[in-house]
Amino acid sequence: MIEAMRKAGLDLTIFFYNPNIHPRREYEIRKQENIRYARRNGIPFFDGDYDTETWFERVKGLEHEPERGERCGRCFDLRFERSALFAHENGFKVFTSSLGFSRWKRLEQVNESGERAASRYPGLTYWTHNWRKGGGQQRGIEISREEGFYRQGYCGCVYSLRDMRPRREHGKASME
């Protein structure tokens, strides 16, 4: 994503807000990977804090929802609401997310949440783009290998981790 946006001449900023990631060690690994990449590429990085209490409150009662279900929608809403606020407060006109790149997520669900969050602020747009198409998914994998990025085996939340363990044990961790 970043490579494509830079080639298009866009000025980028990374805002990292992922209160869903569990455990804390996993959160720190993912955050540090973002910081490392941002520094090497001269991209400003902002940390939106590890606010797990708000996340657990937002998804309460949805602990047994399947991946890509209502729990994910509420998680996206929380994260995009905070991202849209950051964008608004800092004068950005457009924001997007790497969530749409992930095979663990439904692109339509991600985009709907981003658009809802953007609609709260006049002049702010959520950029809906399918980063998976046109060789984007493959290029992302190549960059990940070239950079030596950590590649997690689950979306990030405690419930995704819980639900992926049996799949990994049986060799069925694909969400294609």
Protein backbone atom coordinates (compact mmCIF):
# COMPACT_ATOMS: atom_id res chain seq x y z
CA MET A 1 0.00 0.00 0.00
CA ILE A 2 2.64 2.48 1.04
CA GLU A 3 4.76 1.77 -2.01
CA ALA A 4 1.78 2.33 -4.33
CA MET A 5 0.72 5.53 -2.58
CA ARG A 6 4.25 6.94 -2.65
CA LYS A 7 4.57 6.15 -6.36
CA ALA A 8 1.36 8.15 -6.83
CA GLY A 9 3.07 11.10 -5.14
CA LEU A 10 1.00 11.08 -1.96
CA ASP A 11 2.30 12.53 1.28
CA LEU A 12 1.75 9.86 3.95
CA THR A 13 1.37 9.65 7.70
CA ILE A 14 0.89 6.44 9.67
CA PHE A 15 -1.60 6.50 12.53
CA PHE A 16 -1.42 3.28 14.56
CA TYR A 17 -4.55 2.65 16.64
CA ASN A 18 -5.07 -1.03 17.38
CA PRO A 19 -6.58 -1.52 20.85
CA ASN A 20 -7.88 -4.87 19.67
CA ILE A 21 -4.50 -6.59 19.42
CA HIS A 22 -3.90 -9.24 22.07
CA PRO A 23 -1.73 -9.97 23.93
CA ARG A 24 0.21 -6.79 24.65
CA ARG A 25 3.42 -8.44 23.41
CA GLU A 26 1.76 -9.00 20.03
CA TYR A 27 0.65 -5.37 19.95
CA GLU A 28 4.19 -4.17 20.63
CA ILE A 29 5.66 -6.41 17.91
CA ARG A 30 3.22 -5.06 15.33
CA LYS A 31 3.70 -1.46 16.46
CA GLN A 32 7.50 -1.74 16.34
CA GLU A 33 7.35 -3.18 12.82
CA ASN A 34 5.34 -0.12 11.74
CA ILE A 35 7.72 2.27 13.47
CA ARG A 36 10.76 0.61 11.89
CA TYR A 37 9.27 0.81 8.40
CA ALA A 38 8.06 4.38 8.89
CA ARG A 39 11.47 5.58 10.07
CA ARG A 40 13.34 3.87 7.24
CA ASN A 41 10.99 5.49 4.73
CA GLY A 42 10.74 8.94 6.32
CA ILE A 43 7.03 8.62 7.10
CA PRO A 44 5.65 10.36 10.21
CA PHE A 45 4.26 7.86 12.74
CA PHE A 46 1.64 8.53 15.42
CA ASP A 47 0.64 6.08 18.12
CA GLY A 48 -3.04 6.17 19.08
CA ASP A 49 -2.50 4.37 22.42
CA TYR A 50 -3.33 0.86 23.54
CA ASP A 51 -6.87 1.43 24.82
CA THR A 52 -8.04 -2.15 25.41
CA GLU A 53 -10.75 -1.21 27.92
CA THR A 54 -12.64 0.77 25.28
CA TRP A 55 -12.22 -2.06 22.78
CA PHE A 56 -13.54 -4.74 25.17
CA GLU A 57 -16.47 -2.49 26.07
CA ARG A 58 -17.30 -1.96 22.37
CA VAL A 59 -17.35 -5.69 21.53
CA LYS A 60 -18.96 -6.89 24.77
CA GLY A 61 -21.56 -9.57 24.11
CA LEU A 62 -20.00 -10.47 20.75
CA GLU A 63 -17.27 -12.75 22.08
CA HIS A 64 -18.57 -15.74 20.07
CA GLU A 65 -19.26 -13.94 16.81
CA PRO A 66 -17.38 -15.48 13.89
CA GLU A 67 -14.47 -13.76 12.19
CA ARG A 68 -15.84 -11.19 9.73
CA GLY A 69 -19.04 -10.91 11.77
CA GLU A 70 -20.58 -8.15 13.87
CA ARG A 71 -17.69 -8.12 16.35
CA CYS A 72 -15.29 -7.20 13.54
CA GLY A 73 -17.65 -4.46 12.39
CA ARG A 74 -17.72 -2.91 15.85
CA CYS A 75 -13.96 -3.20 16.11
CA PHE A 76 -13.52 -1.45 12.76
CA ASP A 77 -15.99 1.25 13.77
CA LEU A 78 -14.03 2.03 16.94
CA ARG A 79 -10.70 2.11 15.15
CA PHE A 80 -11.96 4.14 12.19
CA GLU A 81 -13.79 6.61 14.44
CA ARG A 82 -10.50 7.33 16.20
CA SER A 83 -8.60 7.47 12.89
CA ALA A 84 -11.13 9.85 11.37
CA LEU A 85 -10.89 12.09 14.42
CA PHE A 86 -7.09 12.11 14.12
CA ALA A 87 -7.37 12.94 10.41
CA HIS A 88 -9.88 15.72 11.09
CA GLU A 89 -7.86 17.24 13.94
CA ASN A 90 -4.69 17.22 11.84
CA GLY A 91 -6.12 18.66 8.63
CA PHE A 92 -6.08 15.53 6.49
CA LYS A 93 -8.66 15.33 3.71
CA VAL A 94 -8.35 11.58 3.06
CA PHE A 95 -7.55 8.53 5.14
CA THR A 96 -7.42 4.82 4.41
CA SER A 97 -6.43 1.63 6.17
CA SER A 98 -4.31 -1.44 5.71
CA LEU A 99 -7.27 -3.50 6.97
CA GLY A 100 -8.55 -3.74 3.41
CA PHE A 101 -5.36 -5.53 2.45
CA SER A 102 -5.82 -8.37 4.92
CA ARG A 103 -7.19 -11.71 3.81
CA TRP A 104 -8.67 -12.02 7.30
CA LYS A 105 -11.15 -9.22 6.61
CA ARG A 106 -14.14 -8.63 4.32
CA LEU A 107 -13.28 -5.61 2.18
CA GLU A 108 -16.90 -4.41 2.00
CA GLN A 109 -17.17 -4.44 5.79
CA VAL A 110 -13.90 -2.51 6.14
CA ASN A 111 -14.90 0.11 3.56
CA GLU A 112 -18.38 0.63 5.00
CA SER A 113 -16.90 1.27 8.42
CA GLY A 114 -14.32 3.69 7.04
CA GLU A 115 -16.96 5.61 5.11
CA ARG A 116 -19.21 5.84 8.20
CA ALA A 117 -16.36 7.29 10.23
CA ALA A 118 -15.41 9.79 7.52
CA SER A 119 -19.00 10.98 7.21
CA ARG A 120 -18.77 12.47 10.72
CA TYR A 121 -16.45 15.21 9.46
CA PRO A 122 -17.21 17.56 6.54
CA GLY A 123 -14.57 17.34 3.84
CA LEU A 124 -13.07 14.07 5.08
CA THR A 125 -13.07 11.04 2.76
CA TYR A 126 -12.26 7.41 3.41
CA TRP A 127 -10.33 6.06 0.44
CA THR A 128 -11.93 2.78 -0.58
CA HIS A 129 -9.39 0.92 -2.66
CA ASN A 130 -8.95 -2.78 -3.21
CA TRP A 131 -5.27 -3.16 -2.37
CA ARG A 132 -5.48 -6.90 -3.05
CA LYS A 133 -6.08 -6.53 -6.80
CA GLY A 134 -3.73 -5.71 -9.66
CA GLY A 135 -0.88 -7.64 -8.07
CA GLY A 136 -1.17 -5.69 -4.82
CA GLN A 137 -1.54 -8.73 -2.60
CA GLN A 138 1.46 -10.44 -4.20
CA ARG A 139 3.57 -7.26 -4.03
CA GLY A 140 2.68 -6.90 -0.36
CA ILE A 141 3.91 -10.43 0.31
CA GLU A 142 7.14 -9.71 -1.60
CA ILE A 143 7.78 -6.51 0.37
CA SER A 144 7.03 -8.33 3.60
CA ARG A 145 9.65 -10.95 2.77
CA GLU A 146 12.20 -8.36 1.57
CA GLU A 147 11.74 -6.32 4.75
CA GLY A 148 11.70 -9.35 7.03
CA PHE A 149 8.37 -8.28 8.46
CA TYR A 150 6.76 -10.28 11.21
CA ARG A 151 3.70 -12.04 9.77
CA GLN A 152 1.02 -12.85 12.31
CA GLY A 153 -1.24 -15.89 12.00
CA TYR A 154 -4.45 -14.23 13.18
CA CYS A 155 -6.23 -10.89 12.94
CA GLY A 156 -5.11 -9.68 16.34
CA CYS A 157 -7.91 -9.83 18.88
CA VAL A 158 -8.14 -12.31 21.72
CA TYR A 159 -11.19 -13.95 20.12
CA SER A 160 -9.51 -14.35 16.75
CA LEU A 161 -6.51 -15.92 18.49
CA ARG A 162 -8.81 -18.28 20.38
CA ASP A 163 -10.67 -19.29 17.22
CA MET A 164 -7.54 -19.70 15.08
CA ARG A 165 -5.73 -22.06 17.45
CA PRO A 166 -7.85 -25.09 16.54
CA ARG A 167 -7.56 -24.27 12.81
CA ARG A 168 -3.79 -24.01 13.00
CA GLU A 169 -3.57 -27.25 14.93
CA HIS A 170 -5.49 -28.97 12.13
CA GLY A 171 -3.69 -27.15 9.30
CA LYS A 172 -6.76 -25.09 8.25
CA ALA A 173 -5.69 -21.50 8.93
CA SER A 174 -6.82 -20.15 5.57
CA MET A 175 -9.51 -17.47 5.42
CA GLU A 176 -9.46 -17.07 1.61
